Amino acid sequence: MNDMPVTPSENPAPSNNRNVIIAVVAIVVLCCCCVLASGVGYYVWNNF
């Protein structure tokens, strides 16, 4: 467990790290898409 106590965030579990990063990126992209879609829908709804 304590193999690399100096740099634990370097590369402890690449697959797990990658999964977490992919999940975070997916959530951020989803939020951005939702905000963008709601903004465009609001704009179109008000103008047309």
PDB file of N, CA and C in Angstrom:
ATOM      1  N   MET A   1       0.834  -1.201   0.000  1.00  0.00           N
ATOM      2  CA  MET A   1       0.000   0.000   0.000  1.00  0.00           C
ATOM      3  C   MET A   1       0.872   1.256   0.000  1.00  0.00           C
ATOM      4  N   ASN A   2       1.883   1.280   0.872  1.00  0.00           N
ATOM      5  CA  ASN A   2       2.736   2.468   0.977  1.00  0.00           C
ATOM      6  C   ASN A   2       4.021   2.260   0.198  1.00  0.00           C
ATOM      7  N   ASP A   3       3.886   1.917  -1.074  1.00  0.00           N
ATOM      8  CA  ASP A   3       5.075   1.734  -1.903  1.00  0.00           C
ATOM      9  C   ASP A   3       5.676   3.080  -2.292  1.00  0.00           C
ATOM     10  N   MET A   4       4.812   4.025  -2.698  1.00  0.00           N
ATOM     11  CA  MET A   4       5.298   5.338  -3.110  1.00  0.00           C
ATOM     12  C   MET A   4       4.587   6.417  -2.296  1.00  0.00           C
ATOM     13  N   PRO A   5       5.048   6.669  -1.068  1.00  0.00           N
ATOM     14  CA  PRO A   5       4.384   7.679  -0.229  1.00  0.00           C
ATOM     15  C   PRO A   5       4.735   9.101  -0.646  1.00  0.00           C
ATOM     16  N   VAL A   6       5.834   9.252  -1.416  1.00  0.00           N
ATOM     17  CA  VAL A   6       6.268  10.597  -1.804  1.00  0.00           C
ATOM     18  C   VAL A   6       5.368  11.130  -2.908  1.00  0.00           C
ATOM     19  N   THR A   7       5.121  10.299  -3.922  1.00  0.00           N
ATOM     20  CA  THR A   7       4.288  10.744  -5.039  1.00  0.00           C
ATOM     21  C   THR A   7       3.137   9.760  -5.223  1.00  0.00           C
ATOM     22  N   PRO A   8       2.117   9.842  -4.374  1.00  0.00           N
ATOM     23  CA  PRO A   8       0.991   8.906  -4.487  1.00  0.00           C
ATOM     24  C   PRO A   8       0.088   9.245  -5.658  1.00  0.00           C
ATOM     25  N   SER A   9       0.084  10.502  -6.073  1.00  0.00           N
ATOM     26  CA  SER A   9      -0.808  10.916  -7.152  1.00  0.00           C
ATOM     27  C   SER A   9      -0.132  10.783  -8.514  1.00  0.00           C
ATOM     28  N   GLU A  10       1.056  10.192  -8.531  1.00  0.00           N
ATOM     29  CA  GLU A  10       1.780  10.057  -9.803  1.00  0.00           C
ATOM     30  C   GLU A  10       1.119   9.013 -10.686  1.00  0.00           C
ATOM     31  N   ASN A  11       1.075   7.766 -10.202  1.00  0.00           N
ATOM     32  CA  ASN A  11       0.510   6.687 -11.010  1.00  0.00           C
ATOM     33  C   ASN A  11       0.128   5.505 -10.120  1.00  0.00           C
ATOM     34  N   PRO A  12      -0.805   5.674  -9.200  1.00  0.00           N
ATOM     35  CA  PRO A  12      -1.169   4.584  -8.289  1.00  0.00           C
ATOM     36  C   PRO A  12      -1.975   3.503  -8.992  1.00  0.00           C
ATOM     37  N   ALA A  13      -2.968   3.918  -9.777  1.00  0.00           N
ATOM     38  CA  ALA A  13      -3.812   2.963 -10.496  1.00  0.00           C
ATOM     39  C   ALA A  13      -4.243   3.616 -11.797  1.00  0.00           C
ATOM     40  N   PRO A  14      -3.544   3.347 -12.875  1.00  0.00           N
ATOM     41  CA  PRO A  14      -3.831   4.030 -14.151  1.00  0.00           C
ATOM     42  C   PRO A  14      -5.261   3.818 -14.619  1.00  0.00           C
ATOM     43  N   SER A  15      -5.749   2.588 -14.531  1.00  0.00           N
ATOM     44  CA  SER A  15      -7.103   2.313 -15.020  1.00  0.00           C
ATOM     45  C   SER A  15      -8.128   3.062 -14.171  1.00  0.00           C
ATOM     46  N   ASN A  16      -7.959   3.003 -12.848  1.00  0.00           N
ATOM     47  CA  ASN A  16      -8.896   3.685 -11.960  1.00  0.00           C
ATOM     48  C   ASN A  16      -8.819   5.190 -12.185  1.00  0.00           C
ATOM     49  N   ASN A  17      -7.605   5.715 -12.289  1.00  0.00           N
ATOM     50  CA  ASN A  17      -7.422   7.146 -12.537  1.00  0.00           C
ATOM     51  C   ASN A  17      -8.091   7.547 -13.839  1.00  0.00           C
ATOM     52  N   ARG A  18      -7.877   6.732 -14.870  1.00  0.00           N
ATOM     53  CA  ARG A  18      -8.448   7.053 -16.180  1.00  0.00           C
ATOM     54  C   ARG A  18      -9.967   7.034 -16.106  1.00  0.00           C
ATOM     55  N   ASN A  19     -10.515   6.049 -15.392  1.00  0.00           N
ATOM     56  CA  ASN A  19     -11.975   5.969 -15.269  1.00  0.00           C
ATOM     57  C   ASN A  19     -12.518   7.203 -14.563  1.00  0.00           C
ATOM     58  N   VAL A  20     -11.838   7.632 -13.507  1.00  0.00           N
ATOM     59  CA  VAL A  20     -12.293   8.818 -12.765  1.00  0.00           C
ATOM     60  C   VAL A  20     -12.215  10.047 -13.658  1.00  0.00           C
ATOM     61  N   ILE A  21     -11.108  10.185 -14.387  1.00  0.00           N
ATOM     62  CA  ILE A  21     -10.948  11.354 -15.265  1.00  0.00           C
ATOM     63  C   ILE A  21     -12.017  11.344 -16.350  1.00  0.00           C
ATOM     64  N   ILE A  22     -12.272  10.161 -16.929  1.00  0.00           N
ATOM     65  CA  ILE A  22     -13.298  10.064 -17.978  1.00  0.00           C
ATOM     66  C   ILE A  22     -14.662  10.428 -17.404  1.00  0.00           C
ATOM     67  N   ALA A  23     -14.952   9.964 -16.186  1.00  0.00           N
ATOM     68  CA  ALA A  23     -16.242  10.265 -15.560  1.00  0.00           C
ATOM     69  C   ALA A  23     -16.380  11.769 -15.332  1.00  0.00           C
ATOM     70  N   VAL A  24     -15.330  12.392 -14.807  1.00  0.00           N
ATOM     71  CA  VAL A  24     -15.386  13.838 -14.538  1.00  0.00           C
ATOM     72  C   VAL A  24     -15.552  14.617 -15.840  1.00  0.00           C
ATOM     73  N   VAL A  25     -14.788  14.238 -16.859  1.00  0.00           N
ATOM     74  CA  VAL A  25     -14.888  14.936 -18.144  1.00  0.00           C
ATOM     75  C   VAL A  25     -16.279  14.756 -18.738  1.00  0.00           C
ATOM     76  N   ALA A  26     -16.820  13.531 -18.627  1.00  0.00           N
ATOM     77  CA  ALA A  26     -18.156  13.279 -19.168  1.00  0.00           C
ATOM     78  C   ALA A  26     -19.193  14.134 -18.452  1.00  0.00           C
ATOM     79  N   ILE A  27     -19.077  14.252 -17.122  1.00  0.00           N
ATOM     80  CA  ILE A  27     -20.040  15.056 -16.356  1.00  0.00           C
ATOM     81  C   ILE A  27     -19.924  16.526 -16.754  1.00  0.00           C
ATOM     82  N   VAL A  28     -18.681  17.016 -16.896  1.00  0.00           N
ATOM     83  CA  VAL A  28     -18.490  18.422 -17.264  1.00  0.00           C
ATOM     84  C   VAL A  28     -19.056  18.692 -18.653  1.00  0.00           C
ATOM     85  N   VAL A  29     -18.772  17.779 -19.597  1.00  0.00           N
ATOM     86  CA  VAL A  29     -19.285  17.963 -20.960  1.00  0.00           C
ATOM     87  C   VAL A  29     -20.805  17.926 -20.955  1.00  0.00           C
ATOM     88  N   LEU A  30     -21.371  17.004 -20.167  1.00  0.00           N
ATOM     89  CA  LEU A  30     -22.831  16.902 -20.090  1.00  0.00           C
ATOM     90  C   LEU A  30     -23.419  18.201 -19.537  1.00  0.00           C
ATOM     91  N   CYS A  31     -22.808  18.729 -18.479  1.00  0.00           N
ATOM     92  CA  CYS A  31     -23.304  19.984 -17.899  1.00  0.00           C
ATOM     93  C   CYS A  31     -23.201  21.114 -18.918  1.00  0.00           C
ATOM     94  N   CYS A  32     -22.067  21.188 -19.614  1.00  0.00           N
ATOM     95  CA  CYS A  32     -21.895  22.240 -20.625  1.00  0.00           C
ATOM     96  C   CYS A  32     -22.947  22.103 -21.716  1.00  0.00           C
ATOM     97  N   CYS A  33     -23.203  20.869 -22.145  1.00  0.00           N
ATOM     98  CA  CYS A  33     -24.202  20.661 -23.191  1.00  0.00           C
ATOM     99  C   CYS A  33     -25.584  21.073 -22.692  1.00  0.00           C
ATOM    100  N   CYS A  34     -25.890  20.720 -21.438  1.00  0.00           N
ATOM    101  CA  CYS A  34     -27.205  21.080 -20.888  1.00  0.00           C
ATOM    102  C   CYS A  34     -27.348  22.596 -20.807  1.00  0.00           C
ATOM    103  N   VAL A  35     -26.326  23.280 -20.309  1.00  0.00           N
ATOM    104  CA  VAL A  35     -26.389  24.737 -20.188  1.00  0.00           C
ATOM    105  C   VAL A  35     -26.505  25.373 -21.569  1.00  0.00           C
ATOM    106  N   LEU A  36     -25.717  24.868 -22.513  1.00  0.00           N
ATOM    107  CA  LEU A  36     -25.747  25.413 -23.868  1.00  0.00           C
ATOM    108  C   LEU A  36     -27.112  25.188 -24.496  1.00  0.00           C
ATOM    109  N   ALA A  37     -27.650  23.988 -24.354  1.00  0.00           N
ATOM    110  CA  ALA A  37     -28.946  23.668 -24.954  1.00  0.00           C
ATOM    111  C   ALA A  37     -30.046  24.517 -24.329  1.00  0.00           C
ATOM    112  N   SER A  38     -30.011  24.685 -23.002  1.00  0.00           N
ATOM    113  CA  SER A  38     -31.045  25.489 -22.353  1.00  0.00           C
ATOM    114  C   SER A  38     -30.919  26.949 -22.779  1.00  0.00           C
ATOM    115  N   GLY A  39     -29.682  27.437 -22.904  1.00  0.00           N
ATOM    116  CA  GLY A  39     -29.481  28.814 -23.344  1.00  0.00           C
ATOM    117  C   GLY A  39     -29.985  29.021 -24.760  1.00  0.00           C
ATOM    118  N   VAL A  40     -29.662  28.105 -25.668  1.00  0.00           N
ATOM    119  CA  VAL A  40     -30.120  28.226 -27.057  1.00  0.00           C
ATOM    120  C   VAL A  40     -31.639  28.112 -27.117  1.00  0.00           C
ATOM    121  N   GLY A  41     -32.200  27.174 -26.359  1.00  0.00           N
ATOM    122  CA  GLY A  41     -33.658  27.017 -26.337  1.00  0.00           C
ATOM    123  C   GLY A  41     -34.344  28.265 -25.810  1.00  0.00           C
ATOM    124  N   TYR A  42     -33.783  28.854 -24.759  1.00  0.00           N
ATOM    125  CA  TYR A  42     -34.344  30.082 -24.193  1.00  0.00           C
ATOM    126  C   TYR A  42     -34.281  31.212 -25.217  1.00  0.00           C
ATOM    127  N   TYR A  43     -33.144  31.329 -25.897  1.00  0.00           N
ATOM    128  CA  TYR A  43     -32.948  32.373 -26.913  1.00  0.00           C
ATOM    129  C   TYR A  43     -33.946  32.201 -28.053  1.00  0.00           C
ATOM    130  N   VAL A  44     -34.067  30.972 -28.560  1.00  0.00           N
ATOM    131  CA  VAL A  44     -34.987  30.712 -29.670  1.00  0.00           C
ATOM    132  C   VAL A  44     -36.424  30.938 -29.216  1.00  0.00           C
ATOM    133  N   TRP A  45     -36.751  30.490 -27.997  1.00  0.00           N
ATOM    134  CA  TRP A  45     -38.115  30.634 -27.475  1.00  0.00           C
ATOM    135  C   TRP A  45     -38.492  32.105 -27.358  1.00  0.00           C
ATOM    136  N   ASN A  46     -37.520  32.954 -26.984  1.00  0.00           N
ATOM    137  CA  ASN A  46     -37.813  34.377 -26.812  1.00  0.00           C
ATOM    138  C   ASN A  46     -37.868  35.114 -28.146  1.00  0.00           C
ATOM    139  N   ASN A  47     -37.122  34.664 -29.142  1.00  0.00           N
ATOM    140  CA  ASN A  47     -37.024  35.416 -30.390  1.00  0.00           C
ATOM    141  C   ASN A  47     -37.996  34.940 -31.455  1.00  0.00           C
ATOM    142  N   PHE A  48     -38.444  33.708 -31.363  1.00  0.00           N
ATOM    143  CA  PHE A  48     -39.342  33.195 -32.403  1.00  0.00           C
ATOM    144  C   PHE A  48     -40.649  32.769 -31.759  1.00  0.00           C
TER     145      PHE A  48
END
